[in-house]
Amino acid sequence: QSISNTRTDEYGGSMENRLRFMNEVLDAVIEAVGDSKRVGIRISPNGVYGDMGGADNNELFSLALENMRERKLGFVHIMDGLGFGFHNKSEPFTLAMARKIVDHDMSIIGNVGYTKETAQDAVDAGDADMISFGRPFLSNPDLVERMENGWPLNPDATHQVYYDHRLGPKGYIDFPVYREE
C-alpha cells in the first residue's frame, strides 16, 4: 500500500510493482499445486495494522482482484469489516466492490464483525458466497448451534488471548458451551 510500501525498487512505487510480490507468490503456488482453483488468498483492504491503507487503496485492491481473477483463483478471503479499526485514508473497500470485479469467477469469503444476520444479508445480496467467523468461534465453541437456535453468544475473547503466549491454552479452549438455565 502506498503508505506502508515506500520501496523504490521493482516492488515499490506503481500499483503494479506493489502487487508484484503477491502475483509472484500466487504464480508459484499455482504452479506447485497445479490447479489455480485450489488456490486462494486472504486480503485486508480496510486494516490498520502496520500503518496500512492509502488514498489509492480501493484502486490498489481492485487491481489486486483483477490479477486474482486473471489467475482464476478458487477464492479470495476478504477482511472487509471494520471491527479491527479502519485506516480512514479512503472509503472502505466492500464485498460488493469485490463482486463487481470477480463476478462469480471465484468465491468470495467475507470476514470481520459479522453477525448471523449481516452474514446472511451479504450472502443473500450476492456480495459473498460465504462469511467466516473468527473471534465469535473462539469464544463460542458451539457457535453453529447458538446461531441455529438463537442462543446468546459469549463475549469475545480479549486481545490478550491472541497475543500473550504466556497464557497457553487459556482463552482458546475454556469458553463454555451454551446451557439453558
Protein backbone atom coordinates (compact mmCIF):
# COMPACT_ATOMS: atom_id res chain seq x y z
CA GLN A 1 0.00 0.00 0.00
CA SER A 2 1.18 3.48 -0.74
CA ILE A 3 1.63 4.50 2.90
CA SER A 4 3.45 1.41 4.18
CA ASN A 5 5.28 0.37 0.98
CA THR A 6 7.89 3.05 0.44
CA ARG A 7 10.27 0.87 -1.56
CA THR A 8 11.96 2.30 -4.62
CA ASP A 9 12.86 -1.00 -6.35
CA GLU A 10 10.71 -3.20 -8.57
CA TYR A 11 8.43 -3.97 -5.57
CA GLY A 12 7.52 -0.35 -4.79
CA GLY A 13 6.15 2.73 -6.47
CA SER A 14 3.44 1.91 -9.00
CA MET A 15 0.45 -0.25 -8.11
CA GLU A 16 1.70 -2.94 -10.46
CA ASN A 17 5.03 -3.00 -8.64
CA ARG A 18 3.36 -3.04 -5.22
CA LEU A 19 1.36 -6.09 -6.34
CA ARG A 20 4.38 -7.83 -7.88
CA PHE A 21 5.24 -9.89 -4.79
CA MET A 22 1.63 -11.07 -4.37
CA ASN A 23 1.48 -12.04 -8.04
CA GLU A 24 4.82 -13.87 -7.89
CA VAL A 25 3.71 -15.83 -4.83
CA LEU A 26 0.36 -16.69 -6.42
CA ASP A 27 2.07 -17.86 -9.61
CA ALA A 28 4.50 -20.04 -7.64
CA VAL A 29 1.72 -21.58 -5.55
CA ILE A 30 -0.45 -22.22 -8.62
CA GLU A 31 2.49 -23.91 -10.32
CA ALA A 32 3.20 -26.04 -7.24
CA VAL A 33 -0.45 -27.01 -6.72
CA GLY A 34 -1.19 -27.47 -10.40
CA ASP A 35 -4.74 -26.10 -10.30
CA SER A 36 -5.48 -22.43 -9.67
CA LYS A 37 -9.00 -23.27 -8.43
CA ARG A 38 -7.33 -24.92 -5.42
CA VAL A 39 -5.57 -21.67 -4.50
CA GLY A 40 -6.95 -18.76 -2.51
CA ILE A 41 -5.67 -15.65 -0.81
CA ARG A 42 -6.67 -13.52 2.15
CA ILE A 43 -6.59 -9.74 1.88
CA SER A 44 -7.27 -7.00 4.41
CA PRO A 45 -8.12 -3.85 2.44
CA ASN A 46 -9.50 -1.91 5.40
CA GLY A 47 -6.93 -2.88 8.00
CA VAL A 48 -4.89 -0.57 10.17
CA TYR A 49 -2.06 -2.85 11.26
CA GLY A 50 1.40 -1.60 10.30
CA ASP A 51 0.00 1.76 9.13
CA MET A 52 -1.82 0.11 6.21
CA GLY A 53 -4.05 1.99 3.80
CA GLY A 54 -3.70 4.85 1.42
CA ALA A 55 -5.69 7.26 -0.72
CA ASP A 56 -5.42 4.83 -3.66
CA ASN A 57 -6.47 1.87 -1.52
CA ASN A 58 -9.62 0.95 -3.46
CA GLU A 59 -7.82 1.20 -6.78
CA LEU A 60 -4.99 -0.98 -5.48
CA PHE A 61 -7.27 -3.70 -4.14
CA SER A 62 -9.41 -3.56 -7.27
CA LEU A 63 -6.29 -4.18 -9.35
CA ALA A 64 -5.25 -6.96 -6.97
CA LEU A 65 -8.63 -8.63 -7.52
CA GLU A 66 -8.29 -8.25 -11.27
CA ASN A 67 -4.92 -10.03 -11.00
CA MET A 68 -6.54 -12.80 -8.97
CA ARG A 69 -9.37 -13.14 -11.47
CA GLU A 70 -6.90 -13.43 -14.35
CA ARG A 71 -5.20 -16.27 -12.46
CA LYS A 72 -8.58 -17.98 -11.95
CA LEU A 73 -8.15 -18.41 -8.19
CA GLY A 74 -10.63 -20.53 -6.30
CA PHE A 75 -11.40 -17.96 -3.64
CA VAL A 76 -10.49 -14.67 -2.03
CA HIS A 77 -10.99 -14.22 1.72
CA ILE A 78 -11.62 -10.53 2.31
CA MET A 79 -11.38 -9.00 5.75
CA ASP A 80 -13.81 -6.27 4.76
CA GLY A 81 -15.35 -5.50 8.15
CA LEU A 82 -14.21 -2.54 10.17
CA GLY A 83 -14.21 -4.35 13.53
CA PHE A 84 -10.43 -4.20 13.87
CA GLY A 85 -10.34 -0.49 13.08
CA PHE A 86 -10.27 1.41 9.80
CA HIS A 87 -7.44 3.45 8.33
CA ASN A 88 -9.71 6.33 7.14
CA LYS A 89 -7.39 7.01 4.19
CA SER A 90 -10.03 6.08 1.58
CA GLU A 91 -13.60 4.87 1.50
CA PRO A 92 -13.97 1.34 2.92
CA PHE A 93 -13.49 -1.47 0.40
CA THR A 94 -16.64 -3.60 0.34
CA LEU A 95 -17.63 -7.09 -0.72
CA ALA A 96 -19.97 -5.52 -3.28
CA MET A 97 -16.99 -3.77 -4.87
CA ALA A 98 -15.10 -7.06 -4.99
CA ARG A 99 -18.05 -8.90 -6.51
CA LYS A 100 -18.24 -6.42 -9.40
CA ILE A 101 -14.62 -7.23 -10.24
CA VAL A 102 -14.56 -11.01 -9.87
CA ASP A 103 -18.25 -11.65 -10.63
CA HIS A 104 -18.79 -15.32 -9.83
CA ASP A 105 -15.50 -16.47 -11.34
CA MET A 106 -14.10 -17.01 -7.84
CA SER A 107 -15.70 -17.44 -4.43
CA ILE A 108 -15.71 -14.51 -2.05
CA ILE A 109 -15.49 -15.09 1.69
CA GLY A 110 -16.16 -12.08 3.92
CA ASN A 111 -14.86 -11.68 7.47
CA VAL A 112 -14.67 -9.33 10.48
CA GLY A 113 -17.52 -8.21 12.66
CA TYR A 114 -20.37 -10.14 11.05
CA THR A 115 -23.41 -11.33 12.94
CA LYS A 116 -25.61 -14.19 11.81
CA GLU A 117 -27.97 -11.64 10.26
CA THR A 118 -25.39 -9.46 8.50
CA ALA A 119 -23.63 -12.57 7.20
CA GLN A 120 -26.88 -13.87 5.74
CA ASP A 121 -27.59 -10.43 4.23
CA ALA A 122 -24.19 -10.39 2.48
CA VAL A 123 -24.77 -13.87 1.04
CA ASP A 124 -28.39 -13.11 0.06
CA ALA A 125 -27.28 -9.91 -1.71
CA GLY A 126 -24.77 -11.95 -3.73
CA ASP A 127 -21.84 -9.95 -2.40
CA ALA A 128 -20.29 -13.04 -0.76
CA ASP A 129 -20.51 -16.76 -1.22
CA MET A 130 -19.88 -17.30 2.46
CA ILE A 131 -18.85 -15.47 5.62
CA SER A 132 -16.26 -16.77 8.07
CA PHE A 133 -16.31 -16.20 11.79
CA GLY A 134 -13.08 -15.95 13.77
CA ARG A 135 -13.42 -14.36 17.18
CA PRO A 136 -17.01 -15.50 17.72
CA PHE A 137 -15.89 -19.09 17.12
CA LEU A 138 -13.07 -18.82 19.67
CA SER A 139 -15.40 -17.67 22.42
CA ASN A 140 -18.31 -19.87 21.32
CA PRO A 141 -17.19 -23.44 20.63
CA ASP A 142 -20.83 -24.18 19.82
CA LEU A 143 -21.29 -21.15 17.54
CA VAL A 144 -23.26 -23.03 14.89
CA GLU A 145 -25.74 -24.37 17.45
CA ARG A 146 -26.06 -20.95 19.05
CA MET A 147 -26.84 -19.36 15.68
CA GLU A 148 -29.25 -22.11 14.68
CA ASN A 149 -31.17 -21.82 17.96
CA GLY A 150 -30.93 -18.06 18.55
CA TRP A 151 -28.99 -18.57 21.77
CA PRO A 152 -26.89 -15.66 23.10
CA LEU A 153 -23.18 -15.53 22.35
CA ASN A 154 -20.37 -15.43 24.89
CA PRO A 155 -18.42 -12.16 24.94
CA ASP A 156 -15.43 -12.08 22.58
CA ALA A 157 -12.08 -13.09 23.98
CA THR A 158 -9.81 -10.20 24.87
CA HIS A 159 -6.93 -9.21 22.60
CA GLN A 160 -4.57 -10.53 25.27
CA VAL A 161 -5.69 -14.07 24.42
CA TYR A 162 -4.43 -13.68 20.85
CA TYR A 163 -1.13 -12.04 21.62
CA ASP A 164 0.13 -13.29 25.00
CA HIS A 165 1.65 -16.74 24.52
CA ARG A 166 2.24 -17.00 28.27
CA LEU A 167 -1.49 -17.68 28.70
CA GLY A 168 -1.11 -21.01 26.94
CA PRO A 169 -4.49 -22.55 26.10
CA LYS A 170 -6.41 -20.14 28.40
CA GLY A 171 -8.98 -18.32 26.33
CA TYR A 172 -8.76 -20.80 23.47
CA ILE A 173 -10.30 -23.90 24.98
CA ASP A 174 -12.07 -22.79 28.15
CA PHE A 175 -15.12 -20.89 26.86
CA PRO A 176 -18.34 -22.59 27.93
CA VAL A 177 -20.94 -24.08 25.63
CA TYR A 178 -24.49 -22.79 26.00
CA ARG A 179 -26.54 -24.26 28.83
CA GLU A 180 -30.20 -23.43 29.31
CA GLU A 181 -30.90 -22.17 32.80
